[in-house]
Amino acid sequence: MYTCIDTRQENKIVYLYQEYVMESQKLSALQLELLNVYSFQPKEEDLIAIKKLLAGYFSGKLTKNIQKAIEEKNITEEDLDKWLNE
């Protein structure tokens, strides 16, 4: 038999579950945060928006790191073209 639980109880359950998962599987902080998002049962359109935000964030971070490596190692456009054709 199921009973209704209030938001505080639901939050406590999510917190306890996160603690259990964190101890048993060592999830990252990002994974735990995503568990919080999914625990509130967002709409499909919200999940798509979250995925786009994450993709944009990590894409920007990757681009920034690549640009930094190019500058630090003095990689030229010719080098990049040569590597693409290998």
N, C-alpha and C. Protein backbone atom coordinates (compact mmCIF):
# COMPACT_ATOMS: atom_id res chain seq x y z
N MET A 1 0.85 -1.17 0.00
CA MET A 1 0.00 0.00 0.00
C MET A 1 0.89 1.24 0.00
N TYR A 2 0.65 2.14 -0.93
CA TYR A 2 1.43 3.35 -1.05
C TYR A 2 0.75 4.49 -0.30
N THR A 3 1.58 5.33 0.29
CA THR A 3 1.05 6.51 0.96
C THR A 3 1.63 7.74 0.30
N CYS A 4 0.93 8.83 0.43
CA CYS A 4 1.43 10.10 -0.12
C CYS A 4 2.55 10.61 0.77
N ILE A 5 3.56 11.16 0.14
CA ILE A 5 4.65 11.78 0.90
C ILE A 5 4.74 13.23 0.49
N ASP A 6 5.16 14.05 1.45
CA ASP A 6 5.28 15.47 1.12
C ASP A 6 6.66 15.76 0.54
N THR A 7 6.86 16.98 0.12
CA THR A 7 8.10 17.37 -0.56
C THR A 7 9.31 17.16 0.33
N ARG A 8 9.18 17.47 1.61
CA ARG A 8 10.33 17.29 2.52
C ARG A 8 10.72 15.82 2.59
N GLN A 9 9.72 14.94 2.67
CA GLN A 9 10.02 13.52 2.72
C GLN A 9 10.65 13.05 1.42
N GLU A 10 10.13 13.55 0.30
CA GLU A 10 10.68 13.19 -1.00
C GLU A 10 12.13 13.65 -1.10
N ASN A 11 12.41 14.87 -0.66
CA ASN A 11 13.78 15.38 -0.69
C ASN A 11 14.71 14.55 0.18
N LYS A 12 14.22 14.12 1.33
CA LYS A 12 15.00 13.28 2.23
C LYS A 12 15.29 11.94 1.58
N ILE A 13 14.31 11.37 0.90
CA ILE A 13 14.50 10.10 0.22
C ILE A 13 15.54 10.25 -0.89
N VAL A 14 15.44 11.32 -1.66
CA VAL A 14 16.41 11.57 -2.73
C VAL A 14 17.80 11.73 -2.13
N TYR A 15 17.90 12.49 -1.05
CA TYR A 15 19.20 12.70 -0.40
C TYR A 15 19.78 11.38 0.08
N LEU A 16 18.98 10.56 0.75
CA LEU A 16 19.47 9.28 1.27
C LEU A 16 19.88 8.36 0.12
N TYR A 17 19.10 8.38 -0.94
CA TYR A 17 19.44 7.56 -2.10
C TYR A 17 20.77 8.01 -2.70
N GLN A 18 20.94 9.32 -2.80
CA GLN A 18 22.19 9.85 -3.34
C GLN A 18 23.38 9.44 -2.47
N GLU A 19 23.20 9.52 -1.18
CA GLU A 19 24.27 9.11 -0.27
C GLU A 19 24.61 7.63 -0.46
N TYR A 20 23.58 6.81 -0.59
CA TYR A 20 23.78 5.38 -0.80
C TYR A 20 24.52 5.13 -2.11
N VAL A 21 24.05 5.76 -3.17
CA VAL A 21 24.66 5.57 -4.49
C VAL A 21 26.09 6.08 -4.47
N MET A 22 26.30 7.24 -3.84
CA MET A 22 27.62 7.83 -3.80
C MET A 22 28.61 6.90 -3.10
N GLU A 23 28.18 6.26 -2.03
CA GLU A 23 29.06 5.35 -1.31
C GLU A 23 29.30 4.06 -2.09
N SER A 24 28.26 3.55 -2.74
CA SER A 24 28.40 2.25 -3.39
C SER A 24 29.01 2.35 -4.79
N GLN A 25 28.76 3.44 -5.52
CA GLN A 25 29.23 3.52 -6.89
C GLN A 25 30.11 4.73 -7.17
N LYS A 26 30.25 5.60 -6.22
CA LYS A 26 31.10 6.79 -6.37
C LYS A 26 30.73 7.60 -7.61
N LEU A 27 29.49 8.06 -7.66
CA LEU A 27 29.06 8.91 -8.77
C LEU A 27 29.69 10.28 -8.63
N SER A 28 29.85 10.93 -9.77
CA SER A 28 30.43 12.27 -9.76
C SER A 28 29.39 13.27 -9.27
N ALA A 29 29.86 14.47 -8.96
CA ALA A 29 28.95 15.53 -8.52
C ALA A 29 27.94 15.86 -9.62
N LEU A 30 28.38 15.81 -10.87
CA LEU A 30 27.48 16.08 -11.99
C LEU A 30 26.39 15.02 -12.06
N GLN A 31 26.76 13.76 -11.91
CA GLN A 31 25.77 12.68 -11.95
C GLN A 31 24.76 12.84 -10.83
N LEU A 32 25.23 13.21 -9.65
CA LEU A 32 24.31 13.40 -8.53
C LEU A 32 23.36 14.57 -8.78
N GLU A 33 23.88 15.63 -9.37
CA GLU A 33 23.04 16.78 -9.68
C GLU A 33 21.97 16.41 -10.70
N LEU A 34 22.36 15.61 -11.68
CA LEU A 34 21.39 15.15 -12.68
C LEU A 34 20.33 14.25 -12.05
N LEU A 35 20.71 13.47 -11.06
CA LEU A 35 19.72 12.68 -10.33
C LEU A 35 18.68 13.59 -9.68
N ASN A 36 19.13 14.70 -9.15
CA ASN A 36 18.20 15.67 -8.56
C ASN A 36 17.23 16.18 -9.61
N VAL A 37 17.73 16.50 -10.78
CA VAL A 37 16.87 17.01 -11.86
C VAL A 37 15.82 15.96 -12.22
N TYR A 38 16.27 14.74 -12.41
CA TYR A 38 15.34 13.69 -12.83
C TYR A 38 14.37 13.29 -11.73
N SER A 39 14.71 13.54 -10.48
CA SER A 39 13.82 13.16 -9.39
C SER A 39 12.53 13.99 -9.38
N PHE A 40 12.57 15.14 -10.02
CA PHE A 40 11.38 16.00 -10.08
C PHE A 40 10.54 15.75 -11.32
N GLN A 41 10.88 14.73 -12.08
CA GLN A 41 10.15 14.33 -13.28
C GLN A 41 9.88 15.50 -14.23
N PRO A 42 10.95 16.07 -14.77
CA PRO A 42 10.77 17.19 -15.70
C PRO A 42 10.10 16.72 -16.99
N LYS A 43 9.53 17.67 -17.69
CA LYS A 43 8.89 17.37 -18.98
C LYS A 43 9.96 17.04 -20.00
N GLU A 44 9.55 16.35 -21.06
CA GLU A 44 10.47 15.95 -22.12
C GLU A 44 11.17 17.16 -22.74
N GLU A 45 10.43 18.25 -22.94
CA GLU A 45 11.04 19.46 -23.52
C GLU A 45 12.10 20.05 -22.59
N ASP A 46 11.90 19.91 -21.28
CA ASP A 46 12.91 20.39 -20.33
C ASP A 46 14.16 19.52 -20.39
N LEU A 47 13.98 18.22 -20.54
CA LEU A 47 15.13 17.32 -20.65
C LEU A 47 15.94 17.62 -21.91
N ILE A 48 15.24 17.90 -22.99
CA ILE A 48 15.93 18.25 -24.24
C ILE A 48 16.72 19.54 -24.06
N ALA A 49 16.11 20.51 -23.39
CA ALA A 49 16.80 21.78 -23.14
C ALA A 49 18.03 21.57 -22.25
N ILE A 50 17.92 20.72 -21.25
CA ILE A 50 19.05 20.43 -20.37
C ILE A 50 20.17 19.76 -21.16
N LYS A 51 19.81 18.81 -22.01
CA LYS A 51 20.83 18.14 -22.84
C LYS A 51 21.55 19.14 -23.74
N LYS A 52 20.78 20.07 -24.33
CA LYS A 52 21.40 21.09 -25.19
C LYS A 52 22.32 22.00 -24.40
N LEU A 53 21.90 22.36 -23.18
CA LEU A 53 22.76 23.20 -22.33
C LEU A 53 24.07 22.49 -22.01
N LEU A 54 23.97 21.22 -21.63
CA LEU A 54 25.17 20.45 -21.29
C LEU A 54 26.07 20.29 -22.51
N ALA A 55 25.47 19.98 -23.66
CA ALA A 55 26.26 19.83 -24.88
C ALA A 55 26.96 21.13 -25.23
N GLY A 56 26.25 22.25 -25.14
CA GLY A 56 26.85 23.54 -25.43
C GLY A 56 27.98 23.88 -24.48
N TYR A 57 27.77 23.59 -23.20
CA TYR A 57 28.79 23.88 -22.19
C TYR A 57 30.07 23.08 -22.48
N PHE A 58 29.92 21.75 -22.66
CA PHE A 58 31.10 20.92 -22.86
C PHE A 58 31.75 21.17 -24.22
N SER A 59 30.96 21.51 -25.22
CA SER A 59 31.51 21.86 -26.53
C SER A 59 32.36 23.12 -26.42
N GLY A 60 31.85 24.12 -25.72
CA GLY A 60 32.60 25.36 -25.51
C GLY A 60 33.88 25.13 -24.74
N LYS A 61 33.81 24.28 -23.75
CA LYS A 61 34.99 23.97 -22.94
C LYS A 61 36.04 23.25 -23.79
N LEU A 62 35.60 22.31 -24.61
CA LEU A 62 36.52 21.58 -25.48
C LEU A 62 37.18 22.53 -26.48
N THR A 63 36.38 23.39 -27.09
CA THR A 63 36.91 24.35 -28.06
C THR A 63 37.95 25.25 -27.41
N LYS A 64 37.67 25.71 -26.21
CA LYS A 64 38.60 26.57 -25.48
C LYS A 64 39.92 25.84 -25.20
N ASN A 65 39.83 24.57 -24.78
CA ASN A 65 41.04 23.79 -24.48
C ASN A 65 41.84 23.50 -25.75
N ILE A 66 41.15 23.24 -26.85
CA ILE A 66 41.85 23.01 -28.11
C ILE A 66 42.57 24.27 -28.54
N GLN A 67 41.89 25.40 -28.46
CA GLN A 67 42.51 26.67 -28.84
C GLN A 67 43.74 26.96 -27.98
N LYS A 68 43.63 26.67 -26.69
CA LYS A 68 44.76 26.89 -25.78
C LYS A 68 45.94 26.00 -26.18
N ALA A 69 45.66 24.73 -26.50
CA ALA A 69 46.74 23.82 -26.90
C ALA A 69 47.38 24.27 -28.21
N ILE A 70 46.57 24.74 -29.14
CA ILE A 70 47.09 25.23 -30.42
C ILE A 70 48.05 26.40 -30.19
N GLU A 71 47.66 27.31 -29.32
CA GLU A 71 48.50 28.48 -29.04
C GLU A 71 49.77 28.10 -28.30
N GLU A 72 49.64 27.21 -27.30
CA GLU A 72 50.80 26.83 -26.50
C GLU A 72 51.82 26.04 -27.30
N LYS A 73 51.36 25.23 -28.24
CA LYS A 73 52.26 24.37 -29.01
C LYS A 73 52.58 24.93 -30.40
N ASN A 74 52.13 26.18 -30.62
CA ASN A 74 52.39 26.85 -31.90
C ASN A 74 51.97 26.01 -33.11
N ILE A 75 50.80 25.42 -33.03
CA ILE A 75 50.27 24.61 -34.13
C ILE A 75 49.67 25.56 -35.17
N THR A 76 50.02 25.33 -36.42
CA THR A 76 49.55 26.19 -37.49
C THR A 76 48.38 25.54 -38.23
N GLU A 77 47.74 26.34 -39.09
CA GLU A 77 46.68 25.81 -39.95
C GLU A 77 47.23 24.71 -40.86
N GLU A 78 48.46 24.89 -41.31
CA GLU A 78 49.10 23.88 -42.16
C GLU A 78 49.24 22.56 -41.41
N ASP A 79 49.63 22.62 -40.12
CA ASP A 79 49.73 21.41 -39.30
C ASP A 79 48.38 20.71 -39.22
N LEU A 80 47.34 21.48 -38.96
CA LEU A 80 46.01 20.90 -38.83
C LEU A 80 45.57 20.25 -40.14
N ASP A 81 45.80 20.93 -41.26
CA ASP A 81 45.45 20.38 -42.56
C ASP A 81 46.21 19.08 -42.85
N LYS A 82 47.49 19.10 -42.52
CA LYS A 82 48.34 17.91 -42.73
C LYS A 82 47.81 16.73 -41.93
N TRP A 83 47.44 16.96 -40.66
CA TRP A 83 46.93 15.89 -39.80
C TRP A 83 45.59 15.36 -40.32
N LEU A 84 44.78 16.24 -40.86
CA LEU A 84 43.49 15.80 -41.40
C LEU A 84 43.65 14.89 -42.60
N ASN A 85 44.73 15.10 -43.36
CA ASN A 85 44.95 14.32 -44.58
C ASN A 85 45.82 13.09 -44.37
N GLU A 86 46.22 12.82 -43.15
CA GLU A 86 47.06 11.64 -42.90
C GLU A 86 46.24 10.38 -42.89
